[in-house]
Amino acid sequence: MLKNHLVKVLPLVASFFAATTSFAEAPKYPAIREWQGQVWLTGKDGKRLQVRSKQVLREKALLETSASALVKVQLDAKRSFTLLGSGEVSLPIISWESGEAPVVLLKSGDLYWMQNPKEKGPYNVAVRSDLFEFLAPPGNYILSINPGKAFAGVKMLEGSMEFSALNGEESVVVKSGQQVGFQGVLEGGDIAYDVLLQGKKIPKGHLTAIAPVDAHELTKAADAEKKRLLDAARKQAKDKAALAQAKREGVICFNPPAKLNECAWTCLNNPKKEKKNCLISAGATCQRQRCNANGDWAEQTPLDAEKASTACKAQPVVAPCDY
């Protein structure tokens, strides 16, 4: 009887540990690592929200940048891309289990791909647009597409790649310090294609001649990357020091920082122009939450308008719980 009982129980135990191991190893990529200016993210729920924190992207994501903005996405430990100003890029498929994002769809703007030319990524990534499609090679380069002018191109800063139009037979090898483009054709304001059998599309147009990348642009890109790495290292050291100081003071919850069993009153959906008060009358709501022993914000409780008017401010308020 004992033997039969073990036969039934052991698979359940194995399943439990497999589940907990899977939970503990949740994907940490792809993730938004840095941004400047106004950046919008549309996630799996379809809501378009302004990016305000570092976060892991799940299932699918659409990123948009204002004219002077940029956003950096770390695809995995070896590869990242930065969407520059007035751009739009989509990750239409993100594996829930592994975090793999096998397709990067550049809809408009400039995308700076960063990867050591000597290191391969853990899986293939197809970079697509309305004018080109290929497996992203290792290297540092800037891909661009302007649908309104039916133009796409690449500036190779480090490494090399074979560039061609979407499904095109003609291609060229672009090396470090070189750039090339494809000039398409507009018909009725849209990119024009020759449609072959089974719906295969080839954009009308031609490859431009290979030309050198402006030396100033190469230096500017290299300097910008060095500055980014230096700034990131300084910020990491500063955050580490702040975390150590907070722990010495008994802080265990963050964003906002608080001690065990302290509460935070947070104003949600407050008008952006309001810097001091939580405008309940304008549609804002007030939420109270408690810092628990695990260092998590728990017991999220919405407050009625009467309590919210006195407890909430535009910025989170941390104080002893009122219950």
C-alpha atoms as a PDB file:
ATOM      1  CA  MET A   1       0.000   0.000   0.000  1.00  0.00           C
ATOM      2  CA  LEU A   2       2.828   2.362   0.918  1.00  0.00           C
ATOM      3  CA  LYS A   3       4.493   1.684  -2.411  1.00  0.00           C
ATOM      4  CA  ASN A   4       1.299   2.498  -4.321  1.00  0.00           C
ATOM      5  CA  HIS A   5       0.870   5.658  -2.299  1.00  0.00           C
ATOM      6  CA  LEU A   6       4.403   6.805  -3.172  1.00  0.00           C
ATOM      7  CA  VAL A   7       3.821   6.069  -6.841  1.00  0.00           C
ATOM      8  CA  LYS A   8       0.872   8.463  -6.766  1.00  0.00           C
ATOM      9  CA  VAL A   9       2.521  11.159  -4.630  1.00  0.00           C
ATOM     10  CA  LEU A  10       5.973  11.410  -6.235  1.00  0.00           C
ATOM     11  CA  PRO A  11       4.728  12.713  -9.612  1.00  0.00           C
ATOM     12  CA  LEU A  12       2.766  15.397  -7.779  1.00  0.00           C
ATOM     13  CA  VAL A  13       5.869  16.423  -5.825  1.00  0.00           C
ATOM     14  CA  ALA A  14       7.904  16.519  -9.024  1.00  0.00           C
ATOM     15  CA  SER A  15       5.258  18.657 -10.714  1.00  0.00           C
ATOM     16  CA  PHE A  16       5.217  21.031  -7.753  1.00  0.00           C
ATOM     17  CA  PHE A  17       8.987  21.554  -7.815  1.00  0.00           C
ATOM     18  CA  ALA A  18       8.948  21.933 -11.591  1.00  0.00           C
ATOM     19  CA  ALA A  19       6.261  24.592 -11.290  1.00  0.00           C
ATOM     20  CA  THR A  20       8.043  26.486  -8.539  1.00  0.00           C
ATOM     21  CA  THR A  21      11.341  26.319 -10.451  1.00  0.00           C
ATOM     22  CA  SER A  22       9.601  27.663 -13.554  1.00  0.00           C
ATOM     23  CA  PHE A  23       8.065  30.469 -11.512  1.00  0.00           C
ATOM     24  CA  ALA A  24      11.424  31.366  -9.987  1.00  0.00           C
ATOM     25  CA  GLU A  25      13.001  31.549 -13.425  1.00  0.00           C
ATOM     26  CA  ALA A  26      10.537  33.937 -15.044  1.00  0.00           C
ATOM     27  CA  PRO A  27      12.059  35.638 -18.117  1.00  0.00           C
ATOM     28  CA  LYS A  28      13.857  38.932 -17.478  1.00  0.00           C
ATOM     29  CA  TYR A  29      14.027  39.803 -21.193  1.00  0.00           C
ATOM     30  CA  PRO A  30      13.062  41.575 -23.332  1.00  0.00           C
ATOM     31  CA  ALA A  31      13.031  44.600 -21.078  1.00  0.00           C
ATOM     32  CA  ILE A  32      12.945  48.369 -21.264  1.00  0.00           C
ATOM     33  CA  ARG A  33      16.243  49.461 -19.733  1.00  0.00           C
ATOM     34  CA  GLU A  34      16.494  53.193 -20.529  1.00  0.00           C
ATOM     35  CA  TRP A  35      14.420  55.970 -22.045  1.00  0.00           C
ATOM     36  CA  GLN A  36      14.481  59.711 -22.559  1.00  0.00           C
ATOM     37  CA  GLY A  37      11.611  62.034 -23.361  1.00  0.00           C
ATOM     38  CA  GLN A  38       8.109  60.822 -24.150  1.00  0.00           C
ATOM     39  CA  VAL A  39       7.880  57.120 -24.939  1.00  0.00           C
ATOM     40  CA  TRP A  40       4.602  55.185 -25.214  1.00  0.00           C
ATOM     41  CA  LEU A  41       4.095  51.459 -24.724  1.00  0.00           C
ATOM     42  CA  THR A  42       1.095  49.485 -25.916  1.00  0.00           C
ATOM     43  CA  GLY A  43       1.170  46.066 -24.288  1.00  0.00           C
ATOM     44  CA  LYS A  44      -0.875  42.886 -24.429  1.00  0.00           C
ATOM     45  CA  ASP A  45      -3.915  44.636 -22.884  1.00  0.00           C
ATOM     46  CA  GLY A  46      -4.049  47.165 -25.729  1.00  0.00           C
ATOM     47  CA  LYS A  47      -3.630  50.187 -23.427  1.00  0.00           C
ATOM     48  CA  ARG A  48      -1.276  52.921 -24.697  1.00  0.00           C
ATOM     49  CA  LEU A  49       0.612  54.285 -21.695  1.00  0.00           C
ATOM     50  CA  GLN A  50       3.634  56.513 -21.279  1.00  0.00           C
ATOM     51  CA  VAL A  51       6.751  54.650 -20.137  1.00  0.00           C
ATOM     52  CA  ARG A  52       7.702  55.657 -16.595  1.00  0.00           C
ATOM     53  CA  SER A  53       9.702  52.683 -15.305  1.00  0.00           C
ATOM     54  CA  LYS A  54      11.996  49.853 -16.331  1.00  0.00           C
ATOM     55  CA  GLN A  55       9.944  46.786 -17.115  1.00  0.00           C
ATOM     56  CA  VAL A  56       9.955  43.344 -18.705  1.00  0.00           C
ATOM     57  CA  LEU A  57       7.828  43.084 -21.848  1.00  0.00           C
ATOM     58  CA  ARG A  58       5.383  40.164 -21.997  1.00  0.00           C
ATOM     59  CA  GLU A  59       3.509  38.561 -24.919  1.00  0.00           C
ATOM     60  CA  LYS A  60       3.725  41.564 -27.284  1.00  0.00           C
ATOM     61  CA  ALA A  61       4.673  45.237 -27.280  1.00  0.00           C
ATOM     62  CA  LEU A  62       4.468  48.354 -29.437  1.00  0.00           C
ATOM     63  CA  LEU A  63       6.818  51.259 -28.659  1.00  0.00           C
ATOM     64  CA  GLU A  64       6.523  54.824 -29.977  1.00  0.00           C
ATOM     65  CA  THR A  65       8.839  57.797 -29.392  1.00  0.00           C
ATOM     66  CA  SER A  66       8.308  61.543 -29.646  1.00  0.00           C
ATOM     67  CA  ALA A  67      10.638  63.644 -31.805  1.00  0.00           C
ATOM     68  CA  SER A  68      13.333  64.130 -29.147  1.00  0.00           C
ATOM     69  CA  ALA A  69      12.908  60.811 -27.310  1.00  0.00           C
ATOM     70  CA  LEU A  70      14.542  57.375 -27.360  1.00  0.00           C
ATOM     71  CA  VAL A  71      14.007  54.019 -25.678  1.00  0.00           C
ATOM     72  CA  LYS A  72      16.423  51.121 -25.228  1.00  0.00           C
ATOM     73  CA  VAL A  73      15.188  47.520 -25.178  1.00  0.00           C
ATOM     74  CA  GLN A  74      17.486  44.726 -23.988  1.00  0.00           C
ATOM     75  CA  LEU A  75      16.507  41.642 -26.008  1.00  0.00           C
ATOM     76  CA  ASP A  76      18.824  39.306 -24.090  1.00  0.00           C
ATOM     77  CA  ALA A  77      22.221  39.377 -22.401  1.00  0.00           C
ATOM     78  CA  LYS A  78      24.042  39.983 -25.697  1.00  0.00           C
ATOM     79  CA  ARG A  79      21.699  42.117 -27.828  1.00  0.00           C
ATOM     80  CA  SER A  80      19.783  45.351 -27.511  1.00  0.00           C
ATOM     81  CA  PHE A  81      18.239  47.975 -29.728  1.00  0.00           C
ATOM     82  CA  THR A  82      17.448  51.648 -29.242  1.00  0.00           C
ATOM     83  CA  LEU A  83      14.496  53.254 -31.002  1.00  0.00           C
ATOM     84  CA  LEU A  84      15.370  56.881 -31.719  1.00  0.00           C
ATOM     85  CA  GLY A  85      13.080  59.912 -32.066  1.00  0.00           C
ATOM     86  CA  SER A  86       9.800  59.853 -34.016  1.00  0.00           C
ATOM     87  CA  GLY A  87       9.976  56.085 -34.324  1.00  0.00           C
ATOM     88  CA  GLU A  88       7.680  53.095 -33.972  1.00  0.00           C
ATOM     89  CA  VAL A  89       8.716  49.484 -33.415  1.00  0.00           C
ATOM     90  CA  SER A  90       6.768  46.356 -32.560  1.00  0.00           C
ATOM     91  CA  LEU A  91       7.597  43.041 -30.897  1.00  0.00           C
ATOM     92  CA  PRO A  92       4.531  41.112 -32.119  1.00  0.00           C
ATOM     93  CA  ILE A  93       5.517  37.804 -30.492  1.00  0.00           C
ATOM     94  CA  ILE A  94       7.172  37.350 -27.082  1.00  0.00           C
ATOM     95  CA  SER A  95       7.392  33.844 -25.646  1.00  0.00           C
ATOM     96  CA  TRP A  96       5.789  33.642 -22.213  1.00  0.00           C
ATOM     97  CA  GLU A  97       8.100  30.797 -21.145  1.00  0.00           C
ATOM     98  CA  SER A  98      11.476  31.928 -22.518  1.00  0.00           C
ATOM     99  CA  GLY A  99      11.059  35.644 -23.248  1.00  0.00           C
ATOM    100  CA  GLU A 100      12.309  35.119 -26.804  1.00  0.00           C
ATOM    101  CA  ALA A 101      11.188  37.827 -29.240  1.00  0.00           C
ATOM    102  CA  PRO A 102      11.893  36.337 -32.698  1.00  0.00           C
ATOM    103  CA  VAL A 103      10.542  39.307 -34.685  1.00  0.00           C
ATOM    104  CA  VAL A 104      11.372  43.019 -34.488  1.00  0.00           C
ATOM    105  CA  LEU A 105       9.078  45.015 -36.766  1.00  0.00           C
ATOM    106  CA  LEU A 106      10.366  48.517 -37.511  1.00  0.00           C
ATOM    107  CA  LYS A 107       7.391  50.544 -38.686  1.00  0.00           C
ATOM    108  CA  SER A 108       9.068  53.944 -38.941  1.00  0.00           C
ATOM    109  CA  GLY A 109      12.131  55.854 -37.756  1.00  0.00           C
ATOM    110  CA  ASP A 110      15.664  54.778 -36.828  1.00  0.00           C
ATOM    111  CA  LEU A 111      16.632  51.701 -34.838  1.00  0.00           C
ATOM    112  CA  TYR A 112      20.153  51.380 -33.419  1.00  0.00           C
ATOM    113  CA  TRP A 113      21.076  47.690 -33.090  1.00  0.00           C
ATOM    114  CA  MET A 114      23.866  46.926 -30.598  1.00  0.00           C
ATOM    115  CA  GLN A 115      25.642  43.571 -30.460  1.00  0.00           C
ATOM    116  CA  ASN A 116      29.285  42.556 -30.279  1.00  0.00           C
ATOM    117  CA  PRO A 117      30.180  41.567 -33.874  1.00  0.00           C
ATOM    118  CA  LYS A 118      32.007  38.498 -32.523  1.00  0.00           C
ATOM    119  CA  GLU A 119      29.103  37.197 -30.407  1.00  0.00           C
ATOM    120  CA  LYS A 120      25.986  35.430 -31.611  1.00  0.00           C
ATOM    121  CA  GLY A 121      22.668  35.713 -29.847  1.00  0.00           C
ATOM    122  CA  PRO A 122      20.958  32.703 -28.247  1.00  0.00           C
ATOM    123  CA  TYR A 123      18.297  32.600 -31.001  1.00  0.00           C
ATOM    124  CA  ASN A 124      17.624  34.189 -34.408  1.00  0.00           C
ATOM    125  CA  VAL A 125      15.778  37.506 -34.626  1.00  0.00           C
ATOM    126  CA  ALA A 126      14.119  38.601 -37.863  1.00  0.00           C
ATOM    127  CA  VAL A 127      14.129  42.363 -38.392  1.00  0.00           C
ATOM    128  CA  ARG A 128      11.278  43.384 -40.664  1.00  0.00           C
ATOM    129  CA  SER A 129       9.806  46.485 -42.241  1.00  0.00           C
ATOM    130  CA  ASP A 130       7.686  47.296 -45.274  1.00  0.00           C
ATOM    131  CA  LEU A 131      10.885  47.458 -47.368  1.00  0.00           C
ATOM    132  CA  PHE A 132      13.279  44.848 -45.949  1.00  0.00           C
ATOM    133  CA  GLU A 133      13.434  41.612 -43.983  1.00  0.00           C
ATOM    134  CA  PHE A 134      16.464  39.628 -42.766  1.00  0.00           C
ATOM    135  CA  LEU A 135      17.958  37.826 -39.773  1.00  0.00           C
ATOM    136  CA  ALA A 136      19.732  40.465 -37.684  1.00  0.00           C
ATOM    137  CA  PRO A 137      23.501  39.859 -37.893  1.00  0.00           C
ATOM    138  CA  PRO A 138      25.893  40.665 -35.029  1.00  0.00           C
ATOM    139  CA  GLY A 139      27.230  44.217 -35.140  1.00  0.00           C
ATOM    140  CA  ASN A 140      26.407  47.826 -34.390  1.00  0.00           C
ATOM    141  CA  TYR A 141      24.290  49.512 -37.032  1.00  0.00           C
ATOM    142  CA  ILE A 142      21.391  51.884 -37.579  1.00  0.00           C
ATOM    143  CA  LEU A 143      18.398  50.657 -39.582  1.00  0.00           C
ATOM    144  CA  SER A 144      15.912  53.211 -40.823  1.00  0.00           C
ATOM    145  CA  ILE A 145      12.666  53.397 -42.730  1.00  0.00           C
ATOM    146  CA  ASN A 146      10.615  56.381 -43.853  1.00  0.00           C
ATOM    147  CA  PRO A 147       7.308  55.019 -45.224  1.00  0.00           C
ATOM    148  CA  GLY A 148       6.257  58.483 -46.396  1.00  0.00           C
ATOM    149  CA  LYS A 149       9.261  58.621 -48.725  1.00  0.00           C
ATOM    150  CA  ALA A 150       9.408  54.869 -49.451  1.00  0.00           C
ATOM    151  CA  PHE A 151      13.030  54.799 -48.302  1.00  0.00           C
ATOM    152  CA  ALA A 152      14.925  52.388 -46.064  1.00  0.00           C
ATOM    153  CA  GLY A 153      18.594  51.925 -45.331  1.00  0.00           C
ATOM    154  CA  VAL A 154      21.364  50.854 -43.019  1.00  0.00           C
ATOM    155  CA  LYS A 155      24.439  52.600 -41.629  1.00  0.00           C
ATOM    156  CA  MET A 156      27.036  50.037 -40.588  1.00  0.00           C
ATOM    157  CA  LEU A 157      29.039  51.311 -37.621  1.00  0.00           C
ATOM    158  CA  GLU A 158      30.770  48.019 -36.788  1.00  0.00           C
ATOM    159  CA  GLY A 159      30.509  44.601 -38.441  1.00  0.00           C
ATOM    160  CA  SER A 160      29.004  43.716 -41.829  1.00  0.00           C
ATOM    161  CA  MET A 161      25.690  42.585 -43.271  1.00  0.00           C
ATOM    162  CA  GLU A 162      24.008  41.643 -46.545  1.00  0.00           C
ATOM    163  CA  PHE A 163      21.302  44.171 -47.385  1.00  0.00           C
ATOM    164  CA  SER A 164      18.492  43.866 -49.912  1.00  0.00           C
ATOM    165  CA  ALA A 165      14.906  44.911 -50.473  1.00  0.00           C
ATOM    166  CA  LEU A 166      12.097  42.698 -49.180  1.00  0.00           C
ATOM    167  CA  ASN A 167      12.225  39.429 -51.183  1.00  0.00           C
ATOM    168  CA  GLY A 168      14.620  41.127 -53.592  1.00  0.00           C
ATOM    169  CA  GLU A 169      17.139  39.127 -55.617  1.00  0.00           C
ATOM    170  CA  GLU A 170      19.736  41.893 -55.723  1.00  0.00           C
ATOM    171  CA  SER A 171      21.776  42.436 -52.549  1.00  0.00           C
ATOM    172  CA  VAL A 172      24.980  44.144 -51.422  1.00  0.00           C
ATOM    173  CA  VAL A 173      27.392  43.514 -48.560  1.00  0.00           C
ATOM    174  CA  VAL A 174      27.731  46.560 -46.312  1.00  0.00           C
ATOM    175  CA  LYS A 175      30.863  46.781 -44.155  1.00  0.00           C
ATOM    176  CA  SER A 176      31.987  48.923 -41.218  1.00  0.00           C
ATOM    177  CA  GLY A 177      31.863  52.619 -42.073  1.00  0.00           C
ATOM    178  CA  GLN A 178      29.512  52.119 -45.048  1.00  0.00           C
ATOM    179  CA  GLN A 179      25.856  52.801 -45.715  1.00  0.00           C
ATOM    180  CA  VAL A 180      23.335  51.793 -48.358  1.00  0.00           C
ATOM    181  CA  GLY A 181      19.635  52.267 -48.939  1.00  0.00           C
ATOM    182  CA  PHE A 182      16.658  51.165 -50.969  1.00  0.00           C
ATOM    183  CA  GLN A 183      14.604  53.815 -52.724  1.00  0.00           C
ATOM    184  CA  GLY A 184      11.107  52.542 -53.264  1.00  0.00           C
ATOM    185  CA  VAL A 185       8.175  53.954 -55.227  1.00  0.00           C
ATOM    186  CA  LEU A 186       5.011  55.608 -53.937  1.00  0.00           C
ATOM    187  CA  GLU A 187       1.707  55.040 -55.697  1.00  0.00           C
ATOM    188  CA  GLY A 188      -1.325  56.833 -54.300  1.00  0.00           C
ATOM    189  CA  GLY A 189       0.694  57.699 -51.202  1.00  0.00           C
ATOM    190  CA  ASP A 190       1.525  54.050 -50.425  1.00  0.00           C
ATOM    191  CA  ILE A 191       4.620  51.937 -51.039  1.00  0.00           C
ATOM    192  CA  ALA A 192       4.226  50.126 -54.367  1.00  0.00           C
ATOM    193  CA  TYR A 193       4.942  46.409 -54.813  1.00  0.00           C
ATOM    194  CA  ASP A 194       5.139  43.831 -57.577  1.00  0.00           C
ATOM    195  CA  VAL A 195       2.979  40.925 -56.429  1.00  0.00           C
ATOM    196  CA  LEU A 196       4.150  37.480 -57.538  1.00  0.00           C
ATOM    197  CA  LEU A 197       2.608  34.039 -57.227  1.00  0.00           C
ATOM    198  CA  GLN A 198       1.196  33.072 -53.818  1.00  0.00           C
ATOM    199  CA  GLY A 199       1.075  36.737 -52.818  1.00  0.00           C
ATOM    200  CA  LYS A 200       4.845  37.235 -52.523  1.00  0.00           C
ATOM    201  CA  LYS A 201       5.583  40.979 -52.621  1.00  0.00           C
ATOM    202  CA  ILE A 202       8.683  42.774 -53.888  1.00  0.00           C
ATOM    203  CA  PRO A 203       8.803  46.560 -53.477  1.00  0.00           C
ATOM    204  CA  LYS A 204       9.320  48.552 -56.629  1.00  0.00           C
ATOM    205  CA  GLY A 205      12.520  50.605 -56.658  1.00  0.00           C
ATOM    206  CA  HIS A 206      16.281  50.192 -56.549  1.00  0.00           C
ATOM    207  CA  LEU A 207      19.258  49.886 -54.221  1.00  0.00           C
ATOM    208  CA  THR A 208      21.353  53.016 -53.848  1.00  0.00           C
ATOM    209  CA  ALA A 209      25.117  53.023 -54.266  1.00  0.00           C
ATOM    210  CA  ILE A 210      27.238  52.103 -51.243  1.00  0.00           C
ATOM    211  CA  ALA A 211      28.624  55.266 -49.633  1.00  0.00           C
ATOM    212  CA  PRO A 212      30.802  56.000 -46.597  1.00  0.00           C
ATOM    213  CA  VAL A 213      29.152  56.901 -43.316  1.00  0.00           C
ATOM    214  CA  ASP A 214      30.106  60.395 -42.235  1.00  0.00           C
ATOM    215  CA  ALA A 215      33.163  60.120 -39.962  1.00  0.00           C
ATOM    216  CA  HIS A 216      31.584  62.560 -37.502  1.00  0.00           C
ATOM    217  CA  GLU A 217      28.529  60.322 -37.247  1.00  0.00           C
ATOM    218  CA  LEU A 218      30.705  57.290 -36.487  1.00  0.00           C
ATOM    219  CA  THR A 219      32.562  59.171 -33.752  1.00  0.00           C
ATOM    220  CA  LYS A 220      29.312  60.585 -32.379  1.00  0.00           C
ATOM    221  CA  ALA A 221      27.754  57.114 -32.125  1.00  0.00           C
ATOM    222  CA  ALA A 222      30.827  55.666 -30.400  1.00  0.00           C
ATOM    223  CA  ASP A 223      31.019  58.579 -27.947  1.00  0.00           C
ATOM    224  CA  ALA A 224      27.309  58.332 -27.206  1.00  0.00           C
ATOM    225  CA  GLU A 225      27.644  54.627 -26.372  1.00  0.00           C
ATOM    226  CA  LYS A 226      30.634  55.286 -24.100  1.00  0.00           C
ATOM    227  CA  LYS A 227      28.714  58.027 -22.304  1.00  0.00           C
ATOM    228  CA  ARG A 228      25.681  55.773 -21.951  1.00  0.00           C
ATOM    229  CA  LEU A 229      27.772  53.001 -20.375  1.00  0.00           C
ATOM    230  CA  LEU A 230      29.483  55.470 -18.026  1.00  0.00           C
ATOM    231  CA  ASP A 231      26.169  57.020 -16.980  1.00  0.00           C
ATOM    232  CA  ALA A 232      24.675  53.554 -16.431  1.00  0.00           C
ATOM    233  CA  ALA A 233      27.629  52.532 -14.239  1.00  0.00           C
ATOM    234  CA  ARG A 234      27.346  55.730 -12.177  1.00  0.00           C
ATOM    235  CA  LYS A 235      23.602  55.291 -11.748  1.00  0.00           C
ATOM    236  CA  GLN A 236      24.056  51.660 -10.711  1.00  0.00           C
ATOM    237  CA  ALA A 237      26.621  52.677  -8.071  1.00  0.00           C
ATOM    238  CA  LYS A 238      24.333  55.456  -6.833  1.00  0.00           C
ATOM    239  CA  ASP A 239      21.315  53.135  -6.660  1.00  0.00           C
ATOM    240  CA  LYS A 240      23.366  50.508  -4.835  1.00  0.00           C
ATOM    241  CA  ALA A 241      24.508  53.053  -2.259  1.00  0.00           C
ATOM    242  CA  ALA A 242      20.955  54.357  -1.814  1.00  0.00           C
ATOM    243  CA  LEU A 243      19.659  50.796  -1.362  1.00  0.00           C
ATOM    244  CA  ALA A 244      22.304  50.041   1.256  1.00  0.00           C
ATOM    245  CA  GLN A 245      21.453  53.245   3.137  1.00  0.00           C
ATOM    246  CA  ALA A 246      17.735  52.461   2.991  1.00  0.00           C
ATOM    247  CA  LYS A 247      18.296  48.965   4.392  1.00  0.00           C
ATOM    248  CA  ARG A 248      20.346  50.415   7.262  1.00  0.00           C
ATOM    249  CA  GLU A 249      17.391  52.656   8.073  1.00  0.00           C
ATOM    250  CA  GLY A 250      14.986  49.710   8.106  1.00  0.00           C
ATOM    251  CA  VAL A 251      13.374  50.366   4.724  1.00  0.00           C
ATOM    252  CA  ILE A 252      12.194  47.128   3.080  1.00  0.00           C
ATOM    253  CA  CYS A 253       9.636  48.356   0.513  1.00  0.00           C
ATOM    254  CA  PHE A 254      10.434  50.619  -2.416  1.00  0.00           C
ATOM    255  CA  ASN A 255       8.647  52.858  -4.917  1.00  0.00           C
ATOM    256  CA  PRO A 256       7.921  54.529  -2.554  1.00  0.00           C
ATOM    257  CA  PRO A 257      10.374  53.531   0.229  1.00  0.00           C
ATOM    258  CA  ALA A 258       8.791  52.407   3.503  1.00  0.00           C
ATOM    259  CA  LYS A 259       9.368  50.346   6.632  1.00  0.00           C
ATOM    260  CA  LEU A 260       7.482  47.237   7.706  1.00  0.00           C
ATOM    261  CA  ASN A 261       3.736  47.850   8.223  1.00  0.00           C
ATOM    262  CA  GLU A 262       3.861  51.446   7.036  1.00  0.00           C
ATOM    263  CA  CYS A 263       1.200  52.461   4.547  1.00  0.00           C
ATOM    264  CA  ALA A 264       1.385  54.441   1.339  1.00  0.00           C
ATOM    265  CA  TRP A 265      -1.393  56.546  -0.122  1.00  0.00           C
ATOM    266  CA  THR A 266      -1.017  56.829  -3.891  1.00  0.00           C
ATOM    267  CA  CYS A 267      -2.943  59.051  -6.294  1.00  0.00           C
ATOM    268  CA  LEU A 268      -3.905  57.301  -9.529  1.00  0.00           C
ATOM    269  CA  ASN A 269      -4.991  58.898 -12.824  1.00  0.00           C
ATOM    270  CA  ASN A 270      -4.218  62.384 -11.556  1.00  0.00           C
ATOM    271  CA  PRO A 271      -4.103  65.138 -14.210  1.00  0.00           C
ATOM    272  CA  LYS A 272      -0.491  65.563 -15.316  1.00  0.00           C
ATOM    273  CA  LYS A 273      -0.559  69.330 -14.794  1.00  0.00           C
ATOM    274  CA  GLU A 274      -1.453  68.902 -11.119  1.00  0.00           C
ATOM    275  CA  LYS A 275       1.779  68.889  -9.074  1.00  0.00           C
ATOM    276  CA  LYS A 276       0.498  69.110  -5.469  1.00  0.00           C
ATOM    277  CA  ASN A 277      -3.017  67.763  -4.943  1.00  0.00           C
ATOM    278  CA  CYS A 278      -4.890  64.598  -5.887  1.00  0.00           C
ATOM    279  CA  LEU A 279      -7.871  65.867  -7.876  1.00  0.00           C
ATOM    280  CA  ILE A 280     -10.623  63.368  -7.091  1.00  0.00           C
ATOM    281  CA  SER A 281     -13.107  65.710  -8.777  1.00  0.00           C
ATOM    282  CA  ALA A 282     -11.156  65.376 -12.034  1.00  0.00           C
ATOM    283  CA  GLY A 283     -11.293  61.571 -12.097  1.00  0.00           C
ATOM    284  CA  ALA A 284      -8.287  60.716  -9.904  1.00  0.00           C
ATOM    285  CA  THR A 285      -8.542  57.919  -7.343  1.00  0.00           C
ATOM    286  CA  CYS A 286      -6.690  57.230  -4.092  1.00  0.00           C
ATOM    287  CA  GLN A 287      -5.249  53.851  -3.139  1.00  0.00           C
ATOM    288  CA  ARG A 288      -3.831  52.738   0.205  1.00  0.00           C
ATOM    289  CA  GLN A 289      -1.390  49.831   0.465  1.00  0.00           C
ATOM    290  CA  ARG A 290       0.676  48.303   3.257  1.00  0.00           C
ATOM    291  CA  CYS A 291       4.363  47.317   3.294  1.00  0.00           C
ATOM    292  CA  ASN A 292       4.438  43.639   4.316  1.00  0.00           C
ATOM    293  CA  ALA A 293       7.227  41.452   5.733  1.00  0.00           C
ATOM    294  CA  ASN A 294       8.269  40.269   2.267  1.00  0.00           C
ATOM    295  CA  GLY A 295       9.083  43.813   1.215  1.00  0.00           C
ATOM    296  CA  ASP A 296       6.040  43.955  -1.090  1.00  0.00           C
ATOM    297  CA  TRP A 297       3.279  46.507  -1.308  1.00  0.00           C
ATOM    298  CA  ALA A 298       0.119  44.581  -0.403  1.00  0.00           C
ATOM    299  CA  GLU A 299      -3.525  45.055   0.588  1.00  0.00           C
ATOM    300  CA  GLN A 300      -4.262  47.600  -2.123  1.00  0.00           C
ATOM    301  CA  THR A 301      -7.448  49.345  -0.997  1.00  0.00           C
ATOM    302  CA  PRO A 302      -9.287  52.097  -2.918  1.00  0.00           C
ATOM    303  CA  LEU A 303     -10.525  54.887  -0.658  1.00  0.00           C
ATOM    304  CA  ASP A 304     -13.770  56.765  -0.958  1.00  0.00           C
ATOM    305  CA  ALA A 305     -13.743  60.407  -2.020  1.00  0.00           C
ATOM    306  CA  GLU A 306     -14.038  61.749   1.549  1.00  0.00           C
ATOM    307  CA  LYS A 307     -10.961  59.880   2.844  1.00  0.00           C
ATOM    308  CA  ALA A 308      -9.058  60.391  -0.405  1.00  0.00           C
ATOM    309  CA  SER A 309      -9.417  64.163  -0.224  1.00  0.00           C
ATOM    310  CA  THR A 310      -7.434  64.301   3.019  1.00  0.00           C
ATOM    311  CA  ALA A 311      -5.084  61.300   2.691  1.00  0.00           C
ATOM    312  CA  CYS A 312      -3.807  61.591  -0.877  1.00  0.00           C
ATOM    313  CA  LYS A 313      -1.462  64.078  -2.526  1.00  0.00           C
ATOM    314  CA  ALA A 314      -0.103  64.209  -6.061  1.00  0.00           C
ATOM    315  CA  GLN A 315       3.002  62.317  -4.891  1.00  0.00           C
ATOM    316  CA  PRO A 316       2.800  59.136  -2.743  1.00  0.00           C
ATOM    317  CA  VAL A 317       2.451  59.743   1.002  1.00  0.00           C
ATOM    318  CA  VAL A 318       4.098  57.236   3.405  1.00  0.00           C
ATOM    319  CA  ALA A 319       3.038  57.194   7.070  1.00  0.00           C
ATOM    320  CA  PRO A 320       1.900  54.828   9.841  1.00  0.00           C
ATOM    321  CA  CYS A 321      -1.225  52.937   8.781  1.00  0.00           C
ATOM    322  CA  ASP A 322      -4.512  54.450   9.968  1.00  0.00           C
ATOM    323  CA  TYR A 323      -6.109  51.159  11.002  1.00  0.00           C
END
